[in-house]
Amino acid sequence: MFMRFAINLCLCVGLPAVAAAEPMTFKEARKAFGRVEKPVAIVTNVDWLDQKQEEILAALVSNIPYFGAIALNKDEGLFVDWLQAAAQHHDAAAARSAALAHCEASKKPGSSACIVVLEVRAAGQGEQTLSAPAAEALRTEYRKLRAPKAFAISRSTGNFGFARGDAEAALTACETAGTSADDCTVLVAD
C-alpha cells in the first residue's frame, strides 16, 4: 500500500518483527501492546545534513505512522525524487531494513552507501511491537468481535488481518490485506 504526499513522500507497509509462537489472548495483547501513541522522530546526527534538512525530516513525522524510517546517502542528500519512508512496520528494525533496501535500490550507481537518517517510533513505546494501524485495529475492531476470533500479522509485508471464526479466517485476511503475504502468523486468538 502506498500513499503519496505533496512532498512526494510515500509510505509503504513494512516488516513486522514479532509474532508469538503461541497466540496470546486479547487481554494479554491489550497489556502487551497498549494504546496507540503519538509518533516521535529520532533524527540521526549526520554531519552532511544541515539544520534545515534535519528540521524537514523531523516535520515529516506527523505523516509517517510508527514504526518508520527514512534512509539517504551523502552524495544525493534529502532532495531526491525517490524519497520514500518505510512505515507501518511492527518494529523499528524492520522499518530501518526496508528504508535501507529502498534507498540502495533507488540511488544512482556509484553513490555512497545509504544510512538511516530518521526513525519514527511511538512515544512511550515500551515493548510496543505492532504498527500504529495494527495496534489501533486490535484495540477497537478486533475487541468488538465475538469469540471465536483471531488476529494475524505478516513478517514480510506488515499486513495484518483479523476475523471472527477460526484462525484460518484471520490468516486469509492477513494474506490478502494490501500486499500479498505468505508468512502470516496468528498473534492473538480468543
N, C-alpha and C. Protein backbone atom coordinates (compact mmCIF):
# COMPACT_ATOMS: atom_id res chain seq x y z
N MET A 1 0.85 -1.16 0.00
CA MET A 1 0.00 0.00 0.00
C MET A 1 0.90 1.23 0.00
N PHE A 2 0.62 2.15 -0.89
CA PHE A 2 1.41 3.37 -0.97
C PHE A 2 0.50 4.58 -0.83
N MET A 3 1.01 5.59 -0.15
CA MET A 3 0.30 6.85 -0.01
C MET A 3 1.27 7.95 -0.39
N ARG A 4 0.87 8.84 -1.24
CA ARG A 4 1.75 9.92 -1.68
C ARG A 4 1.36 11.21 -0.98
N PHE A 5 2.35 12.01 -0.67
CA PHE A 5 2.17 13.30 -0.04
C PHE A 5 2.65 14.38 -0.99
N ALA A 6 2.29 15.61 -0.70
CA ALA A 6 2.67 16.73 -1.55
C ALA A 6 4.18 16.82 -1.75
N ILE A 7 4.94 16.33 -0.80
CA ILE A 7 6.40 16.40 -0.94
C ILE A 7 6.97 15.16 -1.63
N ASN A 8 6.08 14.36 -2.23
CA ASN A 8 6.48 13.15 -2.93
C ASN A 8 7.02 12.08 -2.01
N LEU A 9 6.57 12.06 -0.81
CA LEU A 9 6.96 11.03 0.14
C LEU A 9 5.94 9.93 0.07
N CYS A 10 6.39 8.68 0.01
CA CYS A 10 5.39 7.63 0.09
C CYS A 10 5.68 6.70 1.24
N LEU A 11 4.61 6.18 1.77
CA LEU A 11 4.70 5.27 2.90
C LEU A 11 4.44 3.87 2.39
N CYS A 12 5.25 2.93 2.83
CA CYS A 12 4.97 1.57 2.42
C CYS A 12 4.81 0.70 3.65
N VAL A 13 3.90 -0.22 3.55
CA VAL A 13 3.67 -1.14 4.65
C VAL A 13 4.88 -2.03 4.76
N GLY A 14 5.31 -2.32 5.99
CA GLY A 14 6.57 -3.00 6.13
C GLY A 14 6.60 -4.25 6.93
N LEU A 15 7.75 -4.55 7.43
CA LEU A 15 8.06 -5.82 8.04
C LEU A 15 7.81 -5.85 9.54
N PRO A 16 6.90 -6.65 10.02
CA PRO A 16 6.77 -6.81 11.45
C PRO A 16 7.83 -7.75 11.96
N ALA A 17 8.21 -7.58 13.21
CA ALA A 17 9.28 -8.40 13.74
C ALA A 17 8.82 -9.42 14.77
N VAL A 18 7.66 -9.23 15.34
CA VAL A 18 7.28 -10.09 16.44
C VAL A 18 5.98 -10.80 16.15
N ALA A 19 5.99 -12.08 16.31
CA ALA A 19 4.77 -12.88 16.31
C ALA A 19 5.00 -13.97 17.32
N ALA A 20 4.08 -14.13 18.21
CA ALA A 20 4.25 -15.10 19.29
C ALA A 20 4.20 -16.52 18.74
N ALA A 21 4.98 -17.42 19.34
CA ALA A 21 4.94 -18.82 18.96
C ALA A 21 3.55 -19.37 19.25
N GLU A 22 3.01 -19.06 20.38
CA GLU A 22 1.63 -19.41 20.75
C GLU A 22 0.84 -18.12 20.81
N PRO A 23 -0.33 -18.08 20.16
CA PRO A 23 -1.12 -16.84 20.21
C PRO A 23 -1.48 -16.46 21.65
N MET A 24 -1.54 -15.16 21.87
CA MET A 24 -1.96 -14.67 23.18
C MET A 24 -3.43 -14.31 23.12
N THR A 25 -4.04 -14.11 24.26
CA THR A 25 -5.43 -13.68 24.31
C THR A 25 -5.49 -12.17 24.12
N PHE A 26 -6.70 -11.65 23.86
CA PHE A 26 -6.84 -10.21 23.72
C PHE A 26 -6.43 -9.50 25.00
N LYS A 27 -6.78 -10.06 26.13
CA LYS A 27 -6.42 -9.45 27.42
C LYS A 27 -4.90 -9.33 27.54
N GLU A 28 -4.18 -10.38 27.16
CA GLU A 28 -2.71 -10.35 27.19
C GLU A 28 -2.18 -9.35 26.16
N ALA A 29 -2.78 -9.32 24.97
CA ALA A 29 -2.33 -8.41 23.92
C ALA A 29 -2.57 -6.95 24.31
N ARG A 30 -3.71 -6.68 24.95
CA ARG A 30 -4.01 -5.30 25.38
C ARG A 30 -2.92 -4.80 26.32
N LYS A 31 -2.45 -5.66 27.22
CA LYS A 31 -1.37 -5.27 28.14
C LYS A 31 -0.04 -5.15 27.39
N ALA A 32 0.21 -6.06 26.47
CA ALA A 32 1.49 -6.07 25.76
C ALA A 32 1.64 -4.91 24.80
N PHE A 33 0.56 -4.54 24.11
CA PHE A 33 0.66 -3.54 23.06
C PHE A 33 0.13 -2.17 23.44
N GLY A 34 -0.70 -2.09 24.43
CA GLY A 34 -1.16 -0.80 24.94
C GLY A 34 -1.87 0.06 23.91
N ARG A 35 -1.94 1.35 24.21
CA ARG A 35 -2.61 2.32 23.34
C ARG A 35 -1.70 2.77 22.21
N VAL A 36 -2.32 3.19 21.13
CA VAL A 36 -1.58 3.78 20.03
C VAL A 36 -1.10 5.14 20.51
N GLU A 37 0.18 5.37 20.43
CA GLU A 37 0.78 6.60 20.93
C GLU A 37 1.15 7.54 19.78
N LYS A 38 1.33 8.78 20.10
CA LYS A 38 1.77 9.79 19.13
C LYS A 38 3.18 9.44 18.67
N PRO A 39 3.45 9.57 17.36
CA PRO A 39 4.80 9.26 16.89
C PRO A 39 5.82 10.33 17.27
N VAL A 40 7.05 9.90 17.48
CA VAL A 40 8.15 10.81 17.74
C VAL A 40 9.28 10.49 16.76
N ALA A 41 10.06 11.51 16.44
CA ALA A 41 11.16 11.33 15.48
C ALA A 41 12.47 11.20 16.21
N ILE A 42 13.32 10.40 15.65
CA ILE A 42 14.70 10.31 16.09
C ILE A 42 15.52 10.60 14.83
N VAL A 43 16.05 11.80 14.74
CA VAL A 43 16.86 12.18 13.58
C VAL A 43 18.30 11.86 13.89
N THR A 44 18.88 11.02 13.05
CA THR A 44 20.27 10.62 13.24
C THR A 44 21.17 11.84 13.03
N ASN A 45 22.15 11.99 13.88
CA ASN A 45 23.09 13.10 13.74
C ASN A 45 24.09 12.75 12.64
N VAL A 46 23.80 13.26 11.45
CA VAL A 46 24.64 13.01 10.29
C VAL A 46 25.31 14.32 9.91
N ASP A 47 26.62 14.34 9.81
CA ASP A 47 27.33 15.59 9.56
C ASP A 47 27.03 16.22 8.21
N TRP A 48 26.53 15.47 7.25
CA TRP A 48 26.23 16.04 5.95
C TRP A 48 24.80 16.57 5.82
N LEU A 49 23.97 16.41 6.84
CA LEU A 49 22.64 17.04 6.85
C LEU A 49 22.75 18.36 7.60
N ASP A 50 22.30 19.44 6.99
CA ASP A 50 22.33 20.71 7.70
C ASP A 50 21.08 20.82 8.58
N GLN A 51 21.02 21.86 9.39
CA GLN A 51 19.93 22.03 10.35
C GLN A 51 18.57 22.10 9.64
N LYS A 52 18.50 22.78 8.51
CA LYS A 52 17.25 22.89 7.76
C LYS A 52 16.77 21.52 7.30
N GLN A 53 17.66 20.69 6.79
CA GLN A 53 17.29 19.35 6.34
C GLN A 53 16.83 18.50 7.52
N GLU A 54 17.49 18.62 8.67
CA GLU A 54 17.06 17.89 9.86
C GLU A 54 15.67 18.35 10.30
N GLU A 55 15.39 19.65 10.19
CA GLU A 55 14.06 20.17 10.54
C GLU A 55 13.00 19.63 9.59
N ILE A 56 13.33 19.55 8.30
CA ILE A 56 12.39 19.00 7.32
C ILE A 56 12.09 17.54 7.65
N LEU A 57 13.13 16.78 7.95
CA LEU A 57 12.93 15.37 8.31
C LEU A 57 12.05 15.25 9.55
N ALA A 58 12.33 16.03 10.57
CA ALA A 58 11.55 15.97 11.81
C ALA A 58 10.08 16.34 11.55
N ALA A 59 9.84 17.27 10.62
CA ALA A 59 8.48 17.69 10.30
C ALA A 59 7.69 16.58 9.58
N LEU A 60 8.38 15.67 8.94
CA LEU A 60 7.71 14.58 8.24
C LEU A 60 7.06 13.58 9.18
N VAL A 61 7.45 13.59 10.43
CA VAL A 61 6.99 12.59 11.38
C VAL A 61 5.47 12.48 11.46
N SER A 62 4.77 13.60 11.40
CA SER A 62 3.31 13.53 11.52
C SER A 62 2.67 12.78 10.36
N ASN A 63 3.40 12.59 9.26
CA ASN A 63 2.88 11.85 8.11
C ASN A 63 3.38 10.41 8.05
N ILE A 64 4.17 9.99 9.02
CA ILE A 64 4.74 8.64 9.00
C ILE A 64 4.26 7.87 10.23
N PRO A 65 3.35 6.92 10.05
CA PRO A 65 2.92 6.12 11.19
C PRO A 65 4.07 5.24 11.69
N TYR A 66 4.16 5.07 13.01
CA TYR A 66 5.24 4.23 13.51
C TYR A 66 4.97 2.79 13.15
N PHE A 67 5.95 2.03 13.11
CA PHE A 67 7.38 2.28 13.12
C PHE A 67 7.80 2.62 11.70
N GLY A 68 8.63 3.64 11.55
CA GLY A 68 9.03 4.07 10.23
C GLY A 68 10.48 4.52 10.20
N ALA A 69 11.00 4.70 8.98
CA ALA A 69 12.38 5.15 8.82
C ALA A 69 12.57 5.73 7.42
N ILE A 70 13.56 6.59 7.30
CA ILE A 70 14.00 7.12 6.00
C ILE A 70 15.50 6.93 5.93
N ALA A 71 15.97 6.44 4.79
CA ALA A 71 17.40 6.28 4.55
C ALA A 71 17.80 7.13 3.34
N LEU A 72 18.97 7.73 3.43
CA LEU A 72 19.52 8.56 2.36
C LEU A 72 21.00 8.24 2.20
N ASN A 73 21.61 8.83 1.17
CA ASN A 73 23.05 8.71 1.04
C ASN A 73 23.65 10.10 0.90
N LYS A 74 24.89 10.23 1.29
CA LYS A 74 25.58 11.52 1.35
C LYS A 74 25.67 12.19 -0.01
N ASP A 75 25.88 11.43 -1.06
CA ASP A 75 26.07 12.01 -2.38
C ASP A 75 24.80 12.64 -2.95
N GLU A 76 23.64 12.08 -2.64
CA GLU A 76 22.39 12.58 -3.21
C GLU A 76 21.59 13.42 -2.23
N GLY A 77 21.76 13.20 -0.94
CA GLY A 77 21.10 14.01 0.07
C GLY A 77 19.59 13.82 0.16
N LEU A 78 18.92 14.81 0.73
CA LEU A 78 17.50 14.74 1.04
C LEU A 78 16.60 14.98 -0.17
N PHE A 79 17.01 15.82 -1.08
CA PHE A 79 16.13 16.25 -2.16
C PHE A 79 16.29 15.36 -3.40
N VAL A 80 15.75 14.17 -3.30
CA VAL A 80 15.77 13.20 -4.39
C VAL A 80 14.33 12.84 -4.75
N ASP A 81 14.11 12.48 -6.00
CA ASP A 81 12.74 12.16 -6.41
C ASP A 81 12.27 10.80 -5.89
N TRP A 82 13.18 9.99 -5.38
CA TRP A 82 12.81 8.67 -4.89
C TRP A 82 12.64 8.61 -3.37
N LEU A 83 12.59 9.76 -2.72
CA LEU A 83 12.45 9.78 -1.26
C LEU A 83 11.22 8.98 -0.84
N GLN A 84 11.42 8.04 0.04
CA GLN A 84 10.33 7.19 0.50
C GLN A 84 10.57 6.82 1.95
N ALA A 85 9.51 6.86 2.71
CA ALA A 85 9.60 6.42 4.10
C ALA A 85 9.03 5.02 4.21
N ALA A 86 9.75 4.15 4.83
CA ALA A 86 9.21 2.84 5.16
C ALA A 86 8.39 3.05 6.42
N ALA A 87 7.13 2.66 6.41
CA ALA A 87 6.26 2.97 7.54
C ALA A 87 5.28 1.85 7.81
N GLN A 88 4.65 1.95 8.96
CA GLN A 88 3.65 1.00 9.43
C GLN A 88 4.25 -0.39 9.64
N HIS A 89 5.50 -0.40 10.04
CA HIS A 89 6.14 -1.66 10.38
C HIS A 89 5.80 -2.01 11.82
N HIS A 90 6.02 -3.26 12.18
CA HIS A 90 5.70 -3.71 13.52
C HIS A 90 6.88 -3.58 14.48
N ASP A 91 8.03 -3.10 14.01
CA ASP A 91 9.16 -2.76 14.90
C ASP A 91 10.14 -1.87 14.16
N ALA A 92 11.03 -1.24 14.91
CA ALA A 92 11.97 -0.27 14.35
C ALA A 92 13.01 -0.94 13.44
N ALA A 93 13.47 -2.12 13.79
CA ALA A 93 14.48 -2.80 12.97
C ALA A 93 13.95 -3.11 11.58
N ALA A 94 12.71 -3.53 11.48
CA ALA A 94 12.10 -3.82 10.19
C ALA A 94 11.96 -2.55 9.36
N ALA A 95 11.59 -1.44 9.99
CA ALA A 95 11.48 -0.16 9.28
C ALA A 95 12.83 0.28 8.75
N ARG A 96 13.87 0.17 9.58
CA ARG A 96 15.23 0.53 9.14
C ARG A 96 15.65 -0.32 7.94
N SER A 97 15.42 -1.61 8.02
CA SER A 97 15.81 -2.53 6.96
C SER A 97 15.09 -2.19 5.65
N ALA A 98 13.81 -1.93 5.71
CA ALA A 98 13.04 -1.59 4.50
C ALA A 98 13.50 -0.26 3.91
N ALA A 99 13.77 0.73 4.76
CA ALA A 99 14.23 2.04 4.28
C ALA A 99 15.59 1.91 3.59
N LEU A 100 16.49 1.15 4.18
CA LEU A 100 17.81 0.95 3.58
C LEU A 100 17.69 0.21 2.25
N ALA A 101 16.85 -0.80 2.18
CA ALA A 101 16.68 -1.55 0.94
C ALA A 101 16.14 -0.65 -0.17
N HIS A 102 15.17 0.21 0.16
CA HIS A 102 14.62 1.12 -0.84
C HIS A 102 15.69 2.11 -1.32
N CYS A 103 16.42 2.68 -0.40
CA CYS A 103 17.46 3.65 -0.75
C CYS A 103 18.52 3.01 -1.65
N GLU A 104 18.99 1.85 -1.26
CA GLU A 104 20.04 1.18 -2.04
C GLU A 104 19.54 0.84 -3.44
N ALA A 105 18.27 0.46 -3.56
CA ALA A 105 17.72 0.11 -4.87
C ALA A 105 17.45 1.35 -5.74
N SER A 106 17.26 2.50 -5.10
CA SER A 106 16.86 3.72 -5.82
C SER A 106 17.99 4.68 -6.14
N LYS A 107 19.06 4.63 -5.40
CA LYS A 107 20.14 5.62 -5.58
C LYS A 107 20.85 5.43 -6.92
N LYS A 108 21.55 6.47 -7.32
CA LYS A 108 22.31 6.42 -8.56
C LYS A 108 23.49 5.46 -8.41
N PRO A 109 23.86 4.79 -9.50
CA PRO A 109 25.05 3.93 -9.44
C PRO A 109 26.27 4.74 -9.04
N GLY A 110 27.08 4.20 -8.17
CA GLY A 110 28.29 4.88 -7.73
C GLY A 110 28.09 5.81 -6.55
N SER A 111 26.85 6.06 -6.15
CA SER A 111 26.61 6.91 -4.97
C SER A 111 27.04 6.18 -3.71
N SER A 112 27.30 6.95 -2.68
CA SER A 112 27.74 6.37 -1.41
C SER A 112 26.65 5.49 -0.79
N ALA A 113 27.04 4.70 0.19
CA ALA A 113 26.11 3.78 0.86
C ALA A 113 25.02 4.56 1.59
N CYS A 114 23.87 3.96 1.67
CA CYS A 114 22.73 4.57 2.35
C CYS A 114 22.84 4.36 3.86
N ILE A 115 22.33 5.34 4.59
CA ILE A 115 22.24 5.21 6.05
C ILE A 115 20.87 5.72 6.48
N VAL A 116 20.39 5.21 7.60
CA VAL A 116 19.11 5.66 8.15
C VAL A 116 19.33 7.02 8.78
N VAL A 117 18.53 8.01 8.34
CA VAL A 117 18.66 9.37 8.86
C VAL A 117 17.48 9.77 9.74
N LEU A 118 16.40 8.99 9.71
CA LEU A 118 15.22 9.28 10.53
C LEU A 118 14.53 8.00 10.91
N GLU A 119 14.16 7.91 12.18
CA GLU A 119 13.33 6.81 12.66
C GLU A 119 12.10 7.40 13.31
N VAL A 120 10.97 6.74 13.15
CA VAL A 120 9.73 7.15 13.78
C VAL A 120 9.28 6.01 14.68
N ARG A 121 9.06 6.36 15.94
CA ARG A 121 8.62 5.39 16.95
C ARG A 121 7.43 5.95 17.68
N ALA A 122 6.79 5.12 18.46
CA ALA A 122 5.69 5.58 19.29
C ALA A 122 6.25 6.23 20.54
N ALA A 123 5.66 7.34 20.95
CA ALA A 123 6.07 7.98 22.20
C ALA A 123 5.77 7.01 23.33
N GLY A 124 6.69 6.88 24.27
CA GLY A 124 6.49 5.94 25.38
C GLY A 124 6.32 4.53 24.90
N GLN A 125 7.01 4.18 23.86
CA GLN A 125 6.84 2.93 23.14
C GLN A 125 6.94 1.67 24.01
N GLY A 126 7.83 1.64 24.96
CA GLY A 126 7.98 0.43 25.76
C GLY A 126 8.23 -0.78 24.89
N GLU A 127 7.47 -1.82 25.11
CA GLU A 127 7.63 -3.05 24.35
C GLU A 127 6.71 -3.11 23.13
N GLN A 128 6.15 -1.99 22.74
CA GLN A 128 5.24 -1.93 21.60
C GLN A 128 5.87 -2.58 20.38
N THR A 129 5.18 -3.53 19.78
CA THR A 129 5.73 -4.22 18.61
C THR A 129 4.70 -4.39 17.51
N LEU A 130 3.73 -3.53 17.46
CA LEU A 130 2.78 -3.51 16.37
C LEU A 130 2.79 -2.14 15.73
N SER A 131 2.52 -2.10 14.44
CA SER A 131 2.39 -0.80 13.77
C SER A 131 1.20 -0.05 14.36
N ALA A 132 1.17 1.25 14.14
CA ALA A 132 0.07 2.07 14.64
C ALA A 132 -1.28 1.57 14.14
N PRO A 133 -1.44 1.29 12.83
CA PRO A 133 -2.75 0.81 12.38
C PRO A 133 -3.14 -0.54 12.96
N ALA A 134 -2.18 -1.44 13.10
CA ALA A 134 -2.49 -2.76 13.65
C ALA A 134 -2.87 -2.66 15.13
N ALA A 135 -2.14 -1.85 15.88
CA ALA A 135 -2.46 -1.69 17.31
C ALA A 135 -3.84 -1.07 17.49
N GLU A 136 -4.17 -0.10 16.64
CA GLU A 136 -5.49 0.54 16.72
C GLU A 136 -6.60 -0.45 16.35
N ALA A 137 -6.40 -1.23 15.30
CA ALA A 137 -7.39 -2.23 14.90
C ALA A 137 -7.59 -3.29 15.98
N LEU A 138 -6.51 -3.69 16.61
CA LEU A 138 -6.60 -4.67 17.69
C LEU A 138 -7.43 -4.11 18.84
N ARG A 139 -7.17 -2.87 19.23
CA ARG A 139 -7.86 -2.25 20.36
C ARG A 139 -9.32 -1.92 20.07
N THR A 140 -9.66 -1.66 18.82
CA THR A 140 -11.01 -1.22 18.52
C THR A 140 -11.83 -2.31 17.83
N GLU A 141 -11.55 -2.58 16.58
CA GLU A 141 -12.36 -3.50 15.79
C GLU A 141 -12.27 -4.95 16.27
N TYR A 142 -11.07 -5.44 16.51
CA TYR A 142 -10.92 -6.82 16.96
C TYR A 142 -11.61 -7.03 18.30
N ARG A 143 -11.44 -6.09 19.19
CA ARG A 143 -12.02 -6.19 20.53
C ARG A 143 -13.53 -6.40 20.47
N LYS A 144 -14.19 -5.79 19.50
CA LYS A 144 -15.65 -5.84 19.39
C LYS A 144 -16.18 -7.17 18.84
N LEU A 145 -15.32 -7.95 18.19
CA LEU A 145 -15.77 -9.22 17.64
C LEU A 145 -16.08 -10.23 18.74
N ARG A 146 -17.10 -11.03 18.52
CA ARG A 146 -17.40 -12.11 19.46
C ARG A 146 -16.48 -13.29 19.16
N ALA A 147 -16.12 -14.02 20.20
CA ALA A 147 -15.28 -15.21 20.04
C ALA A 147 -16.12 -16.31 19.39
N PRO A 148 -15.47 -17.20 18.68
CA PRO A 148 -14.03 -17.29 18.45
C PRO A 148 -13.58 -16.26 17.42
N LYS A 149 -12.36 -15.79 17.60
CA LYS A 149 -11.78 -14.78 16.71
C LYS A 149 -10.27 -14.88 16.78
N ALA A 150 -9.60 -14.29 15.75
CA ALA A 150 -8.14 -14.33 15.72
C ALA A 150 -7.61 -13.09 14.99
N PHE A 151 -6.36 -12.72 15.29
CA PHE A 151 -5.68 -11.56 14.72
C PHE A 151 -4.31 -12.05 14.25
N ALA A 152 -3.98 -11.81 12.97
CA ALA A 152 -2.72 -12.32 12.40
C ALA A 152 -1.90 -11.17 11.82
N ILE A 153 -0.58 -11.34 11.79
CA ILE A 153 0.34 -10.37 11.19
C ILE A 153 1.31 -11.09 10.26
N SER A 154 1.87 -10.33 9.32
CA SER A 154 2.86 -10.84 8.37
C SER A 154 4.23 -10.29 8.72
N ARG A 155 5.23 -11.14 8.71
CA ARG A 155 6.60 -10.70 8.96
C ARG A 155 7.21 -10.01 7.75
N SER A 156 6.79 -10.34 6.55
CA SER A 156 7.45 -9.81 5.36
C SER A 156 6.79 -8.56 4.78
N THR A 157 5.51 -8.35 5.03
CA THR A 157 4.82 -7.24 4.37
C THR A 157 4.25 -6.20 5.33
N GLY A 158 4.09 -6.54 6.60
CA GLY A 158 3.46 -5.62 7.53
C GLY A 158 1.95 -5.74 7.51
N ASN A 159 1.43 -6.62 6.69
CA ASN A 159 -0.02 -6.85 6.67
C ASN A 159 -0.49 -7.30 8.03
N PHE A 160 -1.76 -7.08 8.29
CA PHE A 160 -2.42 -7.68 9.43
C PHE A 160 -3.86 -7.95 9.03
N GLY A 161 -4.47 -8.89 9.70
CA GLY A 161 -5.86 -9.20 9.42
C GLY A 161 -6.47 -9.88 10.62
N PHE A 162 -7.77 -9.77 10.73
CA PHE A 162 -8.47 -10.41 11.84
C PHE A 162 -9.84 -10.84 11.35
N ALA A 163 -10.40 -11.80 12.03
CA ALA A 163 -11.70 -12.32 11.62
C ALA A 163 -12.35 -13.07 12.76
N ARG A 164 -13.66 -13.10 12.72
CA ARG A 164 -14.42 -13.95 13.63
C ARG A 164 -14.39 -15.35 13.04
N GLY A 165 -14.24 -16.34 13.87
CA GLY A 165 -14.16 -17.72 13.40
C GLY A 165 -12.81 -18.30 13.77
N ASP A 166 -12.38 -19.29 13.02
CA ASP A 166 -11.11 -19.94 13.35
C ASP A 166 -9.92 -19.10 12.87
N ALA A 167 -8.75 -19.54 13.24
CA ALA A 167 -7.52 -18.83 12.91
C ALA A 167 -7.31 -18.74 11.40
N GLU A 168 -7.80 -19.71 10.65
CA GLU A 168 -7.62 -19.69 9.19
C GLU A 168 -8.26 -18.45 8.56
N ALA A 169 -9.37 -18.01 9.10
CA ALA A 169 -10.03 -16.81 8.56
C ALA A 169 -9.15 -15.58 8.77
N ALA A 170 -8.51 -15.47 9.93
CA ALA A 170 -7.61 -14.34 10.19
C ALA A 170 -6.37 -14.43 9.31
N LEU A 171 -5.85 -15.63 9.11
CA LEU A 171 -4.68 -15.81 8.25
C LEU A 171 -5.01 -15.40 6.81
N THR A 172 -6.18 -15.78 6.34
CA THR A 172 -6.61 -15.39 4.99
C THR A 172 -6.75 -13.87 4.89
N ALA A 173 -7.34 -13.24 5.91
CA ALA A 173 -7.49 -11.78 5.92
C ALA A 173 -6.12 -11.11 5.88
N CYS A 174 -5.17 -11.63 6.61
CA CYS A 174 -3.81 -11.08 6.63
C CYS A 174 -3.13 -11.28 5.28
N GLU A 175 -3.24 -12.46 4.71
CA GLU A 175 -2.57 -12.78 3.45
C GLU A 175 -3.06 -11.93 2.29
N THR A 176 -4.30 -11.48 2.34
CA THR A 176 -4.87 -10.73 1.23
C THR A 176 -4.99 -9.23 1.51
N ALA A 177 -4.58 -8.77 2.66
CA ALA A 177 -4.64 -7.34 3.00
C ALA A 177 -3.47 -6.61 2.36
N GLY A 178 -3.74 -5.59 1.58
CA GLY A 178 -2.65 -4.82 0.97
C GLY A 178 -1.80 -5.68 0.06
N THR A 179 -0.53 -5.75 0.34
CA THR A 179 0.42 -6.54 -0.42
C THR A 179 0.21 -8.02 -0.09
N SER A 180 0.24 -8.87 -1.07
CA SER A 180 0.07 -10.29 -0.85
C SER A 180 1.16 -10.81 0.09
N ALA A 181 0.76 -11.59 1.08
CA ALA A 181 1.71 -12.12 2.07
C ALA A 181 1.55 -13.63 2.19
N ASP A 182 2.67 -14.32 2.35
CA ASP A 182 2.60 -15.77 2.51
C ASP A 182 3.20 -16.23 3.84
N ASP A 183 3.40 -15.28 4.77
CA ASP A 183 4.02 -15.64 6.04
C ASP A 183 3.22 -15.15 7.25
N CYS A 184 1.92 -15.03 7.10
CA CYS A 184 1.10 -14.56 8.22
C CYS A 184 1.08 -15.58 9.33
N THR A 185 1.12 -15.08 10.57
CA THR A 185 1.02 -15.94 11.75
C THR A 185 0.00 -15.33 12.70
N VAL A 186 -0.66 -16.19 13.44
CA VAL A 186 -1.67 -15.73 14.39
C VAL A 186 -0.98 -15.19 15.63
N LEU A 187 -1.27 -13.95 15.97
CA LEU A 187 -0.69 -13.29 17.12
C LEU A 187 -1.63 -13.35 18.31
N VAL A 188 -2.93 -13.18 18.06
CA VAL A 188 -3.94 -13.17 19.12
C VAL A 188 -5.07 -14.09 18.72
N ALA A 189 -5.55 -14.88 19.66
CA ALA A 189 -6.70 -15.76 19.41
C ALA A 189 -7.53 -15.87 20.68
N ASP A 190 -8.82 -15.72 20.49
CA ASP A 190 -9.76 -15.85 21.62
C ASP A 190 -10.90 -16.79 21.21
